[in-house]
Amino acid sequence: MSMFSRFSERMPKRKTKEELDEHYENVKLEKGDFLAMVIAAFITFFPVVIVAMVVIFGLMWLFVR
């Protein structure tokens, strides 16, 4: 028995699209969940966008200078 066969036996079984649709159909959001998701997305993506902008504007400044 190889390492990969033991690993695949222990992995959870993949769910079908119908099973996933049924699961997420029953998920209900609470009152503040949408705002929390927006804030989490902002906290996640804002630093990446700032770093990308600094790199782009830094390269532009180097080439124009």
C-alpha atoms as a PDB file:
ATOM      1  CA  MET A   1       0.000   0.000   0.000  1.00  0.00           C
ATOM      2  CA  SER A   2       1.567   3.249  -1.059  1.00  0.00           C
ATOM      3  CA  MET A   3       1.511   6.525   0.770  1.00  0.00           C
ATOM      4  CA  PHE A   4      -0.818   8.096  -1.815  1.00  0.00           C
ATOM      5  CA  SER A   5      -3.484   5.405  -1.543  1.00  0.00           C
ATOM      6  CA  ARG A   6      -3.578   5.762   2.253  1.00  0.00           C
ATOM      7  CA  PHE A   7      -3.803   9.535   1.853  1.00  0.00           C
ATOM      8  CA  SER A   8      -6.696   9.314  -0.607  1.00  0.00           C
ATOM      9  CA  GLU A   9      -8.560   6.933   1.710  1.00  0.00           C
ATOM     10  CA  ARG A  10      -8.419   9.449   4.544  1.00  0.00           C
ATOM     11  CA  MET A  11      -9.501  12.438   2.453  1.00  0.00           C
ATOM     12  CA  PRO A  12     -13.160  13.406   2.723  1.00  0.00           C
ATOM     13  CA  LYS A  13     -15.294  12.332  -0.212  1.00  0.00           C
ATOM     14  CA  ARG A  14     -16.101  15.017  -2.777  1.00  0.00           C
ATOM     15  CA  LYS A  15     -19.663  16.239  -2.754  1.00  0.00           C
ATOM     16  CA  THR A  16     -21.689  16.555  -5.920  1.00  0.00           C
ATOM     17  CA  LYS A  17     -22.969  19.890  -7.159  1.00  0.00           C
ATOM     18  CA  GLU A  18     -26.486  18.955  -6.062  1.00  0.00           C
ATOM     19  CA  GLU A  19     -25.307  18.167  -2.525  1.00  0.00           C
ATOM     20  CA  LEU A  20     -23.443  21.479  -2.317  1.00  0.00           C
ATOM     21  CA  ASP A  21     -26.438  23.415  -3.672  1.00  0.00           C
ATOM     22  CA  GLU A  22     -28.692  21.752  -1.094  1.00  0.00           C
ATOM     23  CA  HIS A  23     -26.261  22.574   1.720  1.00  0.00           C
ATOM     24  CA  TYR A  24     -25.819  26.244   0.806  1.00  0.00           C
ATOM     25  CA  GLU A  25     -29.523  26.674   0.123  1.00  0.00           C
ATOM     26  CA  ASN A  26     -30.176  26.125   3.832  1.00  0.00           C
ATOM     27  CA  VAL A  27     -27.523  28.598   5.046  1.00  0.00           C
ATOM     28  CA  LYS A  28     -29.116  31.723   6.483  1.00  0.00           C
ATOM     29  CA  LEU A  29     -27.153  34.915   7.092  1.00  0.00           C
ATOM     30  CA  GLU A  30     -27.705  36.867  10.272  1.00  0.00           C
ATOM     31  CA  LYS A  31     -28.212  40.609  10.491  1.00  0.00           C
ATOM     32  CA  GLY A  32     -24.568  41.761  10.546  1.00  0.00           C
ATOM     33  CA  ASP A  33     -23.015  38.998   8.452  1.00  0.00           C
ATOM     34  CA  PHE A  34     -22.903  40.914   5.165  1.00  0.00           C
ATOM     35  CA  LEU A  35     -21.200  43.914   6.764  1.00  0.00           C
ATOM     36  CA  ALA A  36     -18.701  41.587   8.445  1.00  0.00           C
ATOM     37  CA  MET A  37     -17.902  39.951   5.095  1.00  0.00           C
ATOM     38  CA  VAL A  38     -17.395  43.365   3.446  1.00  0.00           C
ATOM     39  CA  ILE A  39     -15.083  44.507   6.250  1.00  0.00           C
ATOM     40  CA  ALA A  40     -13.118  41.231   6.085  1.00  0.00           C
ATOM     41  CA  ALA A  41     -12.730  41.586   2.306  1.00  0.00           C
ATOM     42  CA  PHE A  42     -11.563  45.194   2.728  1.00  0.00           C
ATOM     43  CA  ILE A  43      -9.002  44.207   5.373  1.00  0.00           C
ATOM     44  CA  THR A  44      -7.795  41.349   3.157  1.00  0.00           C
ATOM     45  CA  PHE A  45      -7.513  43.134  -0.191  1.00  0.00           C
ATOM     46  CA  PHE A  46      -6.641  46.711   0.829  1.00  0.00           C
ATOM     47  CA  PRO A  47      -2.988  46.037   1.800  1.00  0.00           C
ATOM     48  CA  VAL A  48      -2.424  44.077  -1.426  1.00  0.00           C
ATOM     49  CA  VAL A  49      -3.869  46.916  -3.519  1.00  0.00           C
ATOM     50  CA  ILE A  50      -1.742  49.495  -1.683  1.00  0.00           C
ATOM     51  CA  VAL A  51       1.458  47.482  -2.247  1.00  0.00           C
ATOM     52  CA  ALA A  52       0.624  47.020  -5.941  1.00  0.00           C
ATOM     53  CA  MET A  53      -0.051  50.748  -6.335  1.00  0.00           C
ATOM     54  CA  VAL A  54       3.222  51.642  -4.597  1.00  0.00           C
ATOM     55  CA  VAL A  55       5.148  49.305  -6.922  1.00  0.00           C
ATOM     56  CA  ILE A  56       3.422  50.630 -10.062  1.00  0.00           C
ATOM     57  CA  PHE A  57       3.822  54.293  -9.126  1.00  0.00           C
ATOM     58  CA  GLY A  58       7.396  53.679  -7.983  1.00  0.00           C
ATOM     59  CA  LEU A  59       8.279  52.167 -11.362  1.00  0.00           C
ATOM     60  CA  MET A  60       6.516  55.029 -13.155  1.00  0.00           C
ATOM     61  CA  TRP A  61       8.472  57.542 -11.064  1.00  0.00           C
ATOM     62  CA  LEU A  62      11.758  55.793 -11.903  1.00  0.00           C
ATOM     63  CA  PHE A  63      11.087  55.747 -15.649  1.00  0.00           C
ATOM     64  CA  VAL A  64       9.761  59.312 -15.855  1.00  0.00           C
ATOM     65  CA  ARG A  65      12.477  60.798 -13.689  1.00  0.00           C
END
